[in-house]
C-alpha atoms as a PDB file:
ATOM      1  CA  MET A   1      43.788  11.971   8.943  1.00  0.00           C
ATOM      2  CA  GLU A   2      43.351   8.224   8.504  1.00  0.00           C
ATOM      3  CA  PRO A   3      40.399   6.600  10.330  1.00  0.00           C
ATOM      4  CA  GLN A   4      42.643   4.485  12.552  1.00  0.00           C
ATOM      5  CA  ALA A   5      44.787   7.473  13.469  1.00  0.00           C
ATOM      6  CA  LYS A   6      41.659   9.548  14.175  1.00  0.00           C
ATOM      7  CA  THR A   7      40.273   6.812  16.462  1.00  0.00           C
ATOM      8  CA  ALA A   8      43.556   6.594  18.391  1.00  0.00           C
ATOM      9  CA  TYR A   9      43.769  10.402  18.676  1.00  0.00           C
ATOM     10  CA  LEU A  10      40.199  10.675  20.008  1.00  0.00           C
ATOM     11  CA  ALA A  11      40.876   7.902  22.543  1.00  0.00           C
ATOM     12  CA  GLN A  12      43.879   9.859  23.905  1.00  0.00           C
ATOM     13  CA  MET A  13      41.913  13.129  23.947  1.00  0.00           C
ATOM     14  CA  ARG A  14      39.072  11.372  25.782  1.00  0.00           C
ATOM     15  CA  LYS A  15      41.431  10.405  28.582  1.00  0.00           C
ATOM     16  CA  ARG A  16      42.840  13.943  28.797  1.00  0.00           C
ATOM     17  CA  TYR A  17      39.288  15.361  28.797  1.00  0.00           C
ATOM     18  CA  GLY A  18      38.356  13.035  31.673  1.00  0.00           C
ATOM     19  CA  ARG A  19      41.401  14.103  33.715  1.00  0.00           C
ATOM     20  CA  ALA A  20      40.813  17.834  33.117  1.00  0.00           C
ATOM     21  CA  LYS A  21      39.708  19.654  36.263  1.00  0.00           C
ATOM     22  CA  THR A  22      38.709  23.088  35.053  1.00  0.00           C
ATOM     23  CA  ARG A  23      36.181  24.267  32.498  1.00  0.00           C
ATOM     24  CA  PRO A  24      38.708  26.352  30.452  1.00  0.00           C
ATOM     25  CA  GLU A  25      40.999  23.333  30.163  1.00  0.00           C
ATOM     26  CA  LYS A  26      38.172  21.150  28.860  1.00  0.00           C
ATOM     27  CA  GLY A  27      37.241  23.911  26.424  1.00  0.00           C
ATOM     28  CA  ARG A  28      40.783  24.023  25.009  1.00  0.00           C
ATOM     29  CA  LEU A  29      40.780  20.244  24.520  1.00  0.00           C
ATOM     30  CA  LEU A  30      37.452  20.418  22.672  1.00  0.00           C
ATOM     31  CA  THR A  31      38.699  23.224  20.431  1.00  0.00           C
ATOM     32  CA  GLU A  32      41.841  21.287  19.585  1.00  0.00           C
ATOM     33  CA  ALA A  33      39.869  18.115  18.768  1.00  0.00           C
ATOM     34  CA  MET A  34      37.423  20.093  16.604  1.00  0.00           C
ATOM     35  CA  THR A  35      40.319  21.557  14.608  1.00  0.00           C
ATOM     36  CA  VAL A  36      41.993  18.181  14.059  1.00  0.00           C
ATOM     37  CA  THR A  37      38.935  16.008  13.328  1.00  0.00           C
ATOM     38  CA  ASP A  38      36.317  18.505  11.994  1.00  0.00           C
ATOM     39  CA  TYR A  39      33.783  17.015  14.429  1.00  0.00           C
ATOM     40  CA  HIS A  40      31.084  19.178  15.933  1.00  0.00           C
ATOM     41  CA  ARG A  41      31.702  20.373  19.482  1.00  0.00           C
ATOM     42  CA  LYS A  42      28.493  18.820  20.834  1.00  0.00           C
ATOM     43  CA  ALA A  43      29.296  15.502  19.156  1.00  0.00           C
ATOM     44  CA  LEU A  44      32.632  15.345  20.949  1.00  0.00           C
ATOM     45  CA  ILE A  45      31.049  16.252  24.286  1.00  0.00           C
ATOM     46  CA  ARG A  46      28.403  13.535  23.935  1.00  0.00           C
ATOM     47  CA  ALA A  47      30.989  10.935  22.861  1.00  0.00           C
ATOM     48  CA  TRP A  48      33.410  11.698  25.710  1.00  0.00           C
ATOM     49  CA  ARG A  49      30.712  11.748  28.381  1.00  0.00           C
ATOM     50  CA  ARG A  50      29.485   8.252  27.535  1.00  0.00           C
ATOM     51  CA  PRO A  51      30.872   5.346  29.566  1.00  0.00           C
ATOM     52  CA  GLU A  52      33.866   3.719  27.897  1.00  0.00           C
ATOM     53  CA  PRO A  53      32.914   0.541  25.978  1.00  0.00           C
ATOM     54  CA  VAL A  54      34.025  -2.668  27.665  1.00  0.00           C
ATOM     55  CA  GLU A  55      36.195  -4.767  25.389  1.00  0.00           C
ATOM     56  CA  GLY A  56      34.495  -7.976  24.314  1.00  0.00           C
ATOM     57  CA  ARG A  57      30.996  -6.835  25.305  1.00  0.00           C
ATOM     58  CA  ARG A  58      28.556  -6.278  22.458  1.00  0.00           C
ATOM     59  CA  ARG A  59      27.018  -2.835  22.465  1.00  0.00           C
ATOM     60  CA  ARG A  60      23.240  -2.842  22.907  1.00  0.00           C
ATOM     61  CA  ARG A  61      21.207  -1.362  20.058  1.00  0.00           C
ATOM     62  CA  PRO A  62      19.455   1.884  21.029  1.00  0.00           C
ATOM     63  CA  GLY A  63      15.699   1.835  21.476  1.00  0.00           C
ATOM     64  CA  ARG A  64      13.304  -0.704  22.898  1.00  0.00           C
ATOM     65  CA  ALA A  65      14.105  -4.382  22.889  1.00  0.00           C
ATOM     66  CA  ARG A  66      12.170  -6.497  20.421  1.00  0.00           C
ATOM     67  CA  ARG A  67       9.099  -8.162  21.883  1.00  0.00           C
ATOM     68  CA  TYR A  68       7.970 -10.101  18.823  1.00  0.00           C
ATOM     69  CA  GLY A  69       9.867 -13.160  17.643  1.00  0.00           C
ATOM     70  CA  PRO A  70      10.103 -14.661  14.146  1.00  0.00           C
ATOM     71  CA  ALA A  71       7.163 -17.007  14.800  1.00  0.00           C
ATOM     72  CA  ALA A  72       4.881 -14.088  15.680  1.00  0.00           C
ATOM     73  CA  VAL A  73       6.000 -12.193  12.584  1.00  0.00           C
ATOM     74  CA  ARG A  74       5.322 -15.212  10.346  1.00  0.00           C
ATOM     75  CA  ALA A  75       1.852 -15.631  11.837  1.00  0.00           C
ATOM     76  CA  LEU A  76       1.099 -11.937  11.380  1.00  0.00           C
ATOM     77  CA  LYS A  77       2.183 -12.035   7.715  1.00  0.00           C
ATOM     78  CA  ALA A  78       0.053 -15.123   7.076  1.00  0.00           C
ATOM     79  CA  ILE A  79      -3.041 -13.478   8.580  1.00  0.00           C
ATOM     80  CA  TRP A  80      -2.349 -10.256   6.659  1.00  0.00           C
ATOM     81  CA  THR A  81      -2.152 -12.181   3.377  1.00  0.00           C
ATOM     82  CA  VAL A  82      -5.285 -14.294   3.757  1.00  0.00           C
ATOM     83  CA  ALA A  83      -7.272 -11.319   5.103  1.00  0.00           C
ATOM     84  CA  GLY A  84      -6.633  -9.417   1.862  1.00  0.00           C
ATOM     85  CA  TYR A  85      -3.745  -7.083   2.833  1.00  0.00           C
ATOM     86  CA  PRO A  86      -5.743  -4.725   5.105  1.00  0.00           C
ATOM     87  CA  TRP A  87      -4.068  -1.617   6.488  1.00  0.00           C
ATOM     88  CA  ALA A  88      -2.544  -1.810   9.967  1.00  0.00           C
ATOM     89  CA  VAL A  89      -5.419  -0.390  12.046  1.00  0.00           C
ATOM     90  CA  ARG A  90      -7.952  -2.646  10.353  1.00  0.00           C
ATOM     91  CA  LEU A  91      -5.669  -5.675  10.653  1.00  0.00           C
ATOM     92  CA  LYS A  92      -5.284  -4.971  14.377  1.00  0.00           C
ATOM     93  CA  ALA A  93      -9.084  -5.069  14.727  1.00  0.00           C
ATOM     94  CA  LEU A  94      -9.309  -8.274  12.656  1.00  0.00           C
ATOM     95  CA  LEU A  95      -6.670 -10.234  14.606  1.00  0.00           C
ATOM     96  CA  PRO A  96      -9.071 -11.674  17.251  1.00  0.00           C
ATOM     97  CA  LEU A  97     -11.285 -13.023  14.445  1.00  0.00           C
ATOM     98  CA  TRP A  98      -8.378 -14.627  12.556  1.00  0.00           C
ATOM     99  CA  LEU A  99      -6.462 -16.065  15.518  1.00  0.00           C
ATOM    100  CA  PRO A 100      -8.636 -19.243  15.745  1.00  0.00           C
ATOM    101  CA  TRP A 101      -7.841 -19.889  12.065  1.00  0.00           C
ATOM    102  CA  ALA A 102      -4.134 -19.256  12.675  1.00  0.00           C
ATOM    103  CA  ARG A 103      -4.127 -21.405  15.825  1.00  0.00           C
ATOM    104  CA  LYS A 104      -5.454 -24.374  13.868  1.00  0.00           C
ATOM    105  CA  ARG A 105      -3.385 -24.034  10.657  1.00  0.00           C
ATOM    106  CA  LEU A 106      -0.134 -22.530  11.931  1.00  0.00           C
ATOM    107  CA  ALA A 107       0.072 -24.442  15.232  1.00  0.00           C
ATOM    108  CA  LEU A 108       0.602 -21.299  17.292  1.00  0.00           C
ATOM    109  CA  SER A 109       1.887 -21.662  20.825  1.00  0.00           C
ATOM    110  CA  ALA A 110       0.268 -19.700  23.645  1.00  0.00           C
ATOM    111  CA  GLY A 111       3.244 -17.338  23.811  1.00  0.00           C
ATOM    112  CA  VAL A 112       3.226 -16.593  20.082  1.00  0.00           C
ATOM    113  CA  GLU A 113      -0.540 -16.044  20.111  1.00  0.00           C
ATOM    114  CA  ALA A 114      -0.180 -13.607  23.006  1.00  0.00           C
ATOM    115  CA  GLN A 115       2.451 -11.661  21.065  1.00  0.00           C
ATOM    116  CA  VAL A 116       0.240 -11.449  17.969  1.00  0.00           C
ATOM    117  CA  ARG A 117      -2.768 -10.419  20.060  1.00  0.00           C
ATOM    118  CA  THR A 118      -0.926  -7.550  21.798  1.00  0.00           C
ATOM    119  CA  ILE A 119       0.998  -6.121  18.831  1.00  0.00           C
ATOM    120  CA  SER A 120       0.134  -2.485  18.077  1.00  0.00           C
ATOM    121  CA  ALA A 121      -0.952  -1.056  14.732  1.00  0.00           C
ATOM    122  CA  ARG A 122       2.236   1.018  14.498  1.00  0.00           C
ATOM    123  CA  GLN A 123       4.377  -2.051  15.095  1.00  0.00           C
ATOM    124  CA  ILE A 124       2.376  -3.942  12.454  1.00  0.00           C
ATOM    125  CA  ASP A 125       3.367  -1.230   9.955  1.00  0.00           C
ATOM    126  CA  ARG A 126       7.043  -1.677  10.861  1.00  0.00           C
ATOM    127  CA  VAL A 127       6.933  -5.481  10.660  1.00  0.00           C
ATOM    128  CA  LEU A 128       5.115  -5.550   7.309  1.00  0.00           C
ATOM    129  CA  ALA A 129       7.055  -2.675   5.681  1.00  0.00           C
ATOM    130  CA  PRO A 130       9.421  -4.925   3.605  1.00  0.00           C
ATOM    131  CA  ASP A 131       6.525  -7.004   2.293  1.00  0.00           C
ATOM    132  CA  LYS A 132       4.531  -3.878   1.408  1.00  0.00           C
ATOM    133  CA  ARG A 133       7.495  -2.522  -0.567  1.00  0.00           C
ATOM    134  CA  ARG A 134       7.778  -5.814  -2.433  1.00  0.00           C
ATOM    135  CA  ILE A 135       4.081  -5.849  -3.313  1.00  0.00           C
ATOM    136  CA  ARG A 136       4.209  -2.270  -4.601  1.00  0.00           C
ATOM    137  CA  LYS A 137       6.797  -3.345  -7.193  1.00  0.00           C
ATOM    138  CA  ARG A 138       4.195  -5.438  -9.016  1.00  0.00           C
ATOM    139  CA  MET A 139       3.556  -3.849 -12.372  1.00  0.00           C
ATOM    140  CA  TYR A 140       0.046  -3.323 -13.624  1.00  0.00           C
ATOM    141  CA  GLY A 141      -1.347  -1.682 -16.753  1.00  0.00           C
ATOM    142  CA  ARG A 142      -1.003   2.001 -16.079  1.00  0.00           C
ATOM    143  CA  THR A 143      -4.060   4.234 -16.103  1.00  0.00           C
ATOM    144  CA  LYS A 144      -3.444   7.279 -18.264  1.00  0.00           C
ATOM    145  CA  PRO A 145      -5.539  10.310 -17.323  1.00  0.00           C
ATOM    146  CA  GLY A 146      -8.129  11.283 -19.881  1.00  0.00           C
ATOM    147  CA  THR A 147      -8.508  14.948 -20.780  1.00  0.00           C
ATOM    148  CA  LEU A 148     -11.076  14.862 -23.577  1.00  0.00           C
ATOM    149  CA  LEU A 149     -14.514  16.080 -22.409  1.00  0.00           C
ATOM    150  CA  LYS A 150     -13.303  16.127 -18.806  1.00  0.00           C
ATOM    151  CA  HIS A 151     -15.131  19.374 -18.105  1.00  0.00           C
ATOM    152  CA  HIS A 152     -18.370  17.819 -19.423  1.00  0.00           C
ATOM    153  CA  ILE A 153     -18.287  14.965 -16.895  1.00  0.00           C
ATOM    154  CA  PRO A 154     -18.957  16.245 -13.354  1.00  0.00           C
ATOM    155  CA  ILE A 155     -16.949  15.124 -10.335  1.00  0.00           C
ATOM    156  CA  LYS A 156     -18.999  13.264  -7.769  1.00  0.00           C
ATOM    157  CA  THR A 157     -18.123  14.887  -4.456  1.00  0.00           C
ATOM    158  CA  ASP A 158     -21.094  13.803  -2.319  1.00  0.00           C
ATOM    159  CA  HIS A 159     -21.402  10.411  -0.664  1.00  0.00           C
ATOM    160  CA  TRP A 160     -23.528   7.728  -2.258  1.00  0.00           C
ATOM    161  CA  ASP A 161     -27.019   7.988  -0.777  1.00  0.00           C
ATOM    162  CA  VAL A 162     -29.245   6.017  -3.124  1.00  0.00           C
ATOM    163  CA  THR A 163     -32.345   4.027  -2.275  1.00  0.00           C
ATOM    164  CA  GLU A 164     -32.780   2.154  -5.567  1.00  0.00           C
ATOM    165  CA  PRO A 165     -30.514  -0.026  -7.696  1.00  0.00           C
ATOM    166  CA  GLY A 166     -28.918   1.116 -10.940  1.00  0.00           C
ATOM    167  CA  PHE A 167     -26.269   3.584  -9.761  1.00  0.00           C
ATOM    168  CA  THR A 168     -22.898   1.914 -10.157  1.00  0.00           C
ATOM    169  CA  GLU A 169     -19.132   2.354 -10.001  1.00  0.00           C
ATOM    170  CA  VAL A 170     -16.920   0.982 -12.794  1.00  0.00           C
ATOM    171  CA  ASP A 171     -13.219   0.246 -13.015  1.00  0.00           C
ATOM    172  CA  LEU A 172     -10.681  -1.705 -15.070  1.00  0.00           C
ATOM    173  CA  VAL A 173      -8.422  -4.319 -13.474  1.00  0.00           C
ATOM    174  CA  SER A 174      -5.374  -5.203 -15.553  1.00  0.00           C
ATOM    175  CA  HIS A 175      -3.945  -8.710 -15.926  1.00  0.00           C
ATOM    176  CA  SER A 176      -0.497  -7.631 -17.117  1.00  0.00           C
ATOM    177  CA  GLY A 177       1.725  -9.780 -14.916  1.00  0.00           C
ATOM    178  CA  ASP A 178       5.141  -8.272 -14.294  1.00  0.00           C
ATOM    179  CA  ARG A 179       5.224  -5.996 -17.345  1.00  0.00           C
ATOM    180  CA  ALA A 180       2.893  -3.538 -19.061  1.00  0.00           C
ATOM    181  CA  ASP A 181       3.944  -3.875 -22.721  1.00  0.00           C
ATOM    182  CA  GLY A 182       1.755  -5.313 -25.482  1.00  0.00           C
ATOM    183  CA  ASP A 183      -1.893  -6.288 -25.306  1.00  0.00           C
ATOM    184  CA  PHE A 184      -3.326  -8.129 -22.348  1.00  0.00           C
ATOM    185  CA  VAL A 185      -6.741  -8.704 -20.825  1.00  0.00           C
ATOM    186  CA  HIS A 186      -8.483  -6.316 -18.442  1.00  0.00           C
ATOM    187  CA  SER A 187     -11.494  -7.059 -16.278  1.00  0.00           C
ATOM    188  CA  LEU A 188     -14.226  -4.431 -16.438  1.00  0.00           C
ATOM    189  CA  ASP A 189     -15.770  -4.433 -12.976  1.00  0.00           C
ATOM    190  CA  LEU A 190     -19.221  -2.896 -12.403  1.00  0.00           C
ATOM    191  CA  THR A 191     -20.620  -2.661  -8.850  1.00  0.00           C
ATOM    192  CA  ASP A 192     -24.102  -1.495  -7.893  1.00  0.00           C
ATOM    193  CA  ILE A 193     -24.108   0.755  -4.820  1.00  0.00           C
ATOM    194  CA  HIS A 194     -27.535  -0.106  -3.384  1.00  0.00           C
ATOM    195  CA  THR A 195     -27.540  -3.895  -3.850  1.00  0.00           C
ATOM    196  CA  THR A 196     -23.734  -4.542  -4.149  1.00  0.00           C
ATOM    197  CA  TRP A 197     -24.535  -6.575  -7.291  1.00  0.00           C
ATOM    198  CA  VAL A 198     -21.352  -7.184  -9.328  1.00  0.00           C
ATOM    199  CA  GLU A 199     -20.942  -7.829 -13.047  1.00  0.00           C
ATOM    200  CA  THR A 200     -17.532  -8.436 -14.605  1.00  0.00           C
ATOM    201  CA  GLY A 201     -16.514  -8.638 -18.269  1.00  0.00           C
ATOM    202  CA  ALA A 202     -13.229  -9.255 -20.088  1.00  0.00           C
ATOM    203  CA  VAL A 203     -11.734  -6.543 -22.315  1.00  0.00           C
ATOM    204  CA  MET A 204      -8.708  -7.129 -24.542  1.00  0.00           C
ATOM    205  CA  GLY A 205      -6.554  -4.041 -24.196  1.00  0.00           C
ATOM    206  CA  LYS A 206      -7.947  -0.684 -23.113  1.00  0.00           C
ATOM    207  CA  SER A 207      -9.645   0.397 -26.309  1.00  0.00           C
ATOM    208  CA  GLN A 208     -12.343   2.995 -25.704  1.00  0.00           C
ATOM    209  CA  VAL A 209     -14.713   1.230 -28.108  1.00  0.00           C
ATOM    210  CA  ARG A 210     -14.157  -2.187 -26.502  1.00  0.00           C
ATOM    211  CA  VAL A 211     -14.730  -0.771 -23.031  1.00  0.00           C
ATOM    212  CA  GLN A 212     -18.007   0.769 -24.202  1.00  0.00           C
ATOM    213  CA  GLU A 213     -19.075  -2.477 -25.898  1.00  0.00           C
ATOM    214  CA  THR A 214     -18.298  -4.529 -22.783  1.00  0.00           C
ATOM    215  CA  LEU A 215     -20.197  -2.050 -20.632  1.00  0.00           C
ATOM    216  CA  GLU A 216     -23.222  -2.528 -22.918  1.00  0.00           C
ATOM    217  CA  GLN A 217     -22.968  -6.314 -22.416  1.00  0.00           C
ATOM    218  CA  LEU A 218     -22.891  -5.842 -18.650  1.00  0.00           C
ATOM    219  CA  ARG A 219     -25.861  -3.459 -18.845  1.00  0.00           C
ATOM    220  CA  GLN A 220     -27.930  -6.137 -20.582  1.00  0.00           C
ATOM    221  CA  GLN A 221     -26.947  -8.709 -17.947  1.00  0.00           C
ATOM    222  CA  LEU A 222     -28.066  -6.548 -15.022  1.00  0.00           C
ATOM    223  CA  PRO A 223     -31.398  -7.532 -13.408  1.00  0.00           C
ATOM    224  CA  PHE A 224     -32.281  -3.835 -13.158  1.00  0.00           C
ATOM    225  CA  ALA A 225     -31.922  -0.718 -15.305  1.00  0.00           C
ATOM    226  CA  LEU A 226     -28.540   0.992 -15.400  1.00  0.00           C
ATOM    227  CA  ARG A 227     -29.151   4.557 -14.198  1.00  0.00           C
ATOM    228  CA  GLY A 228     -25.664   5.862 -13.501  1.00  0.00           C
ATOM    229  CA  ILE A 229     -21.950   5.064 -13.641  1.00  0.00           C
ATOM    230  CA  ASP A 230     -19.081   6.608 -11.718  1.00  0.00           C
ATOM    231  CA  SER A 231     -15.510   6.013 -12.935  1.00  0.00           C
ATOM    232  CA  ASP A 232     -11.964   7.149 -12.351  1.00  0.00           C
ATOM    233  CA  ASN A 233     -10.201   9.634 -14.644  1.00  0.00           C
ATOM    234  CA  GLY A 234      -8.597   7.120 -17.016  1.00  0.00           C
ATOM    235  CA  SER A 235      -8.808   7.745 -20.739  1.00  0.00           C
ATOM    236  CA  GLU A 236     -10.604   4.406 -21.173  1.00  0.00           C
ATOM    237  CA  PHE A 237     -13.622   6.055 -19.488  1.00  0.00           C
ATOM    238  CA  ILE A 238     -13.191   9.789 -20.062  1.00  0.00           C
ATOM    239  CA  ASN A 239     -13.729   9.832 -23.817  1.00  0.00           C
ATOM    240  CA  ALA A 240     -16.314  10.738 -26.451  1.00  0.00           C
ATOM    241  CA  HIS A 241     -17.439   7.138 -26.999  1.00  0.00           C
ATOM    242  CA  LEU A 242     -18.565   6.527 -23.427  1.00  0.00           C
ATOM    243  CA  HIS A 243     -19.838  10.073 -22.970  1.00  0.00           C
ATOM    244  CA  GLY A 244     -22.062   9.770 -26.063  1.00  0.00           C
ATOM    245  CA  TYR A 245     -23.174   6.275 -25.062  1.00  0.00           C
ATOM    246  CA  CYS A 246     -24.354   7.470 -21.626  1.00  0.00           C
ATOM    247  CA  LYS A 247     -25.987  10.576 -23.060  1.00  0.00           C
ATOM    248  CA  ALA A 248     -27.956   8.550 -25.640  1.00  0.00           C
ATOM    249  CA  ARG A 249     -29.274   6.136 -22.991  1.00  0.00           C
ATOM    250  CA  GLN A 250     -29.846   8.803 -20.306  1.00  0.00           C
ATOM    251  CA  ILE A 251     -27.290   7.259 -17.962  1.00  0.00           C
ATOM    252  CA  GLN A 252     -25.823   9.590 -15.351  1.00  0.00           C
ATOM    253  CA  PHE A 253     -22.050   9.765 -15.898  1.00  0.00           C
ATOM    254  CA  THR A 254     -19.805  11.090 -13.111  1.00  0.00           C
ATOM    255  CA  ARG A 255     -16.147  10.684 -12.192  1.00  0.00           C
ATOM    256  CA  GLY A 256     -14.038  10.696  -9.051  1.00  0.00           C
ATOM    257  CA  ARG A 257     -11.336  13.157  -8.111  1.00  0.00           C
ATOM    258  CA  PRO A 258      -7.882  12.581  -9.626  1.00  0.00           C
ATOM    259  CA  TYR A 259      -5.583  10.428  -7.450  1.00  0.00           C
ATOM    260  CA  LYS A 260      -8.377   9.778  -4.902  1.00  0.00           C
ATOM    261  CA  LYS A 261      -9.059   6.024  -5.069  1.00  0.00           C
ATOM    262  CA  ASP A 262     -11.406   6.238  -2.083  1.00  0.00           C
ATOM    263  CA  ASP A 263     -13.919   8.036  -4.305  1.00  0.00           C
ATOM    264  CA  ASN A 264     -14.492   4.634  -5.961  1.00  0.00           C
ATOM    265  CA  ALA A 265     -14.136   2.567  -2.806  1.00  0.00           C
ATOM    266  CA  HIS A 266     -17.061   0.237  -3.580  1.00  0.00           C
ATOM    267  CA  VAL A 267     -15.662  -1.038  -6.870  1.00  0.00           C
ATOM    268  CA  GLU A 268     -12.077  -1.030  -5.568  1.00  0.00           C
ATOM    269  CA  GLN A 269     -13.134  -3.469  -2.854  1.00  0.00           C
ATOM    270  CA  LYS A 270     -14.847  -5.708  -5.416  1.00  0.00           C
ATOM    271  CA  ASN A 271     -11.726  -5.552  -7.610  1.00  0.00           C
ATOM    272  CA  TRP A 272     -10.006  -7.540  -4.895  1.00  0.00           C
ATOM    273  CA  THR A 273     -12.756  -9.949  -3.818  1.00  0.00           C
ATOM    274  CA  HIS A 274     -14.198 -10.678  -7.283  1.00  0.00           C
ATOM    275  CA  VAL A 275     -11.162 -10.351  -9.564  1.00  0.00           C
ATOM    276  CA  ARG A 276      -7.760 -10.538  -7.858  1.00  0.00           C
ATOM    277  CA  LYS A 277      -8.658 -13.392  -5.507  1.00  0.00           C
ATOM    278  CA  HIS A 278      -9.735 -15.502  -8.491  1.00  0.00           C
ATOM    279  CA  MET A 279      -7.369 -14.339 -11.259  1.00  0.00           C
ATOM    280  CA  GLY A 280      -4.337 -13.334  -9.218  1.00  0.00           C
ATOM    281  CA  TYR A 281      -1.596 -11.226 -10.819  1.00  0.00           C
ATOM    282  CA  LEU A 282      -0.605 -13.460 -13.748  1.00  0.00           C
ATOM    283  CA  ARG A 283      -0.399 -12.094 -17.272  1.00  0.00           C
ATOM    284  CA  THR A 284      -3.410 -13.018 -19.436  1.00  0.00           C
ATOM    285  CA  THR A 285      -3.183 -12.396 -23.182  1.00  0.00           C
ATOM    286  CA  ARG A 286      -6.425 -13.962 -24.416  1.00  0.00           C
ATOM    287  CA  ARG A 287     -10.009 -13.931 -23.304  1.00  0.00           C
ATOM    288  CA  ARG A 288     -11.255 -17.114 -21.724  1.00  0.00           C
ATOM    289  CA  ARG A 289     -14.542 -18.451 -22.992  1.00  0.00           C
ATOM    290  CA  ALA A 290     -17.217 -19.078 -20.418  1.00  0.00           C
ATOM    291  CA  PRO A 291     -18.045 -22.783 -19.995  1.00  0.00           C
ATOM    292  CA  ARG A 292     -21.257 -23.897 -21.650  1.00  0.00           C
END
């Protein structure tokens, strides 16, 4: 049956269903409509019990009416961006601190500010969902899991509870731009847990030897002895070169759990504040010399 013919048929059956007086009669009409249209019985009952649509009147979308206008959404996105893309619950807690900044730079009206102040964390997730999907499409250098000597490097499962400097987390931040082919620069980020001291070095590519050599340069730059490193499971760290290097210098070498970025939360946070905020996401294919 053609769609137009089906719509006309259902409109006629709706009128007959409304005029039917007895339950058996309504049942026969439903059975007939099910046979002709292949619709489910409950679907027909729900459709025929609704009030008839008034011609010319736009049907209201189901669900709650929107409370937040485009100006409030723009202000929320601006705060989310400058605050470093925090997750919804944290952004909700940060809004009172950022609203004075937004009031001055975005010229927020009292009504828009009230909307931003009262928005819920769940609604923040809904509003920012398209932008989050767009950001996830950025391509970075992919971390390939390392398998060599994995059973020799213990997983750190306890929380950091150190009272002296020297125990650090390390990670690589790629500067690949919008593609991951060829050689490009990585930033080797090293963060001390006790003092939050950060050292960063440039590595061309992800060579195991170059990563180890850059780590040695960072070790010499530290104002304290390097006592331990904790990395992810990438092959640039889980390899014989770095394992032998740490063993020779009596450096504790541990790793986080696979696919658990929170195990390296300290260095992940510094990846944003000390690398991404300065270097951005552009592709870098040569090491920049430090100014003399």
